[in-house]
Amino acid sequence: MSTTIQIKEPTKKALFTAKNRLELLYGRSLSYDDVIDFLIRSCQLDKIGKRSFDQFQGLLGEDGRKIYEELRKESLANE
């Protein structure tokens, strides 16, 4: 199923540029769907929720520790 999306002119130009660069890289024509799929996978959006904040423990100030504790509680609740 296809759909139409609204994007601004700078985004359209950037997407076109990305499409051209990927076509040069792969040596074949790509659809915009292929390009968007590549960009989504390369961002690893599905892994954002799985990142650990443990690596920052001990490096944060007072405000950072409070934020860390809240995020840690959320992380434990999600496990």
Protein backbone atom coordinates (compact mmCIF):
# COMPACT_ATOMS: atom_id res chain seq x y z
CA MET A 1 0.00 0.00 0.00
CA SER A 2 1.39 3.41 -0.87
CA THR A 3 0.68 6.76 0.73
CA THR A 4 1.47 10.42 0.26
CA ILE A 5 3.42 12.34 2.90
CA GLN A 6 3.93 16.06 3.37
CA ILE A 7 7.56 17.18 3.62
CA LYS A 8 9.18 20.59 3.43
CA GLU A 9 11.42 21.57 0.52
CA PRO A 10 14.72 21.26 2.48
CA THR A 11 13.73 17.75 3.57
CA LYS A 12 12.82 16.85 0.00
CA LYS A 13 16.22 18.04 -1.22
CA ALA A 14 18.05 16.16 1.54
CA LEU A 15 16.11 12.98 0.76
CA PHE A 16 16.89 13.36 -2.94
CA THR A 17 20.60 13.82 -2.13
CA ALA A 18 20.57 10.75 0.12
CA LYS A 19 18.86 8.77 -2.64
CA ASN A 20 21.51 9.77 -5.18
CA ARG A 21 24.37 8.90 -2.83
CA LEU A 22 22.89 5.51 -1.97
CA GLU A 23 22.32 4.77 -5.66
CA LEU A 24 26.00 5.52 -6.32
CA LEU A 25 26.98 3.30 -3.40
CA TYR A 26 24.77 0.37 -4.45
CA GLY A 27 25.17 0.90 -8.19
CA ARG A 28 21.47 0.62 -8.89
CA SER A 29 18.28 2.63 -8.83
CA LEU A 30 16.45 2.86 -5.50
CA SER A 31 12.94 3.93 -4.61
CA TYR A 32 12.28 6.58 -2.00
CA ASP A 33 10.79 3.80 0.12
CA ASP A 34 14.15 1.97 -0.04
CA VAL A 35 15.97 5.15 0.99
CA ILE A 36 13.64 5.89 3.91
CA ASP A 37 13.89 2.27 5.06
CA PHE A 38 17.69 2.48 4.94
CA LEU A 39 17.70 5.73 6.94
CA ILE A 40 15.36 4.31 9.60
CA ARG A 41 17.43 1.14 9.97
CA SER A 42 20.69 3.11 10.13
CA CYS A 43 19.31 5.25 12.97
CA GLN A 44 18.55 2.11 14.98
CA LEU A 45 15.39 3.69 16.34
CA ASP A 46 14.27 0.35 17.72
CA LYS A 47 17.27 0.31 20.08
CA ILE A 48 16.69 3.71 21.74
CA GLY A 49 14.57 2.21 24.51
CA LYS A 50 17.19 -0.48 25.16
CA ARG A 51 20.11 1.84 25.79
CA SER A 52 21.53 1.65 29.26
CA PHE A 53 22.18 4.65 31.44
CA ASP A 54 24.51 2.63 33.68
CA GLN A 55 27.54 3.86 31.74
CA PHE A 56 26.91 7.38 33.06
CA GLN A 57 26.77 6.45 36.73
CA GLY A 58 29.41 8.33 38.70
CA LEU A 59 29.85 10.99 36.03
CA LEU A 60 26.78 13.03 36.78
CA GLY A 61 26.27 15.95 39.13
CA GLU A 62 23.40 16.26 41.61
CA ASP A 63 20.78 17.06 38.96
CA GLY A 64 22.16 14.36 36.72
CA ARG A 65 21.92 11.80 39.52
CA LYS A 66 18.24 12.61 40.04
CA ILE A 67 17.56 12.19 36.34
CA TYR A 68 19.60 8.98 36.31
CA GLU A 69 17.61 7.57 39.24
CA GLU A 70 14.30 8.36 37.52
CA LEU A 71 15.46 6.79 34.26
CA ARG A 72 16.83 3.77 36.12
CA LYS A 73 13.45 3.24 37.81
CA GLU A 74 11.73 3.44 34.42
CA SER A 75 14.26 1.03 32.96
CA LEU A 76 13.72 -1.50 35.75
CA ALA A 77 9.94 -1.16 35.43
CA ASN A 78 10.18 -1.91 31.70
CA GLU A 79 12.23 -5.07 32.21
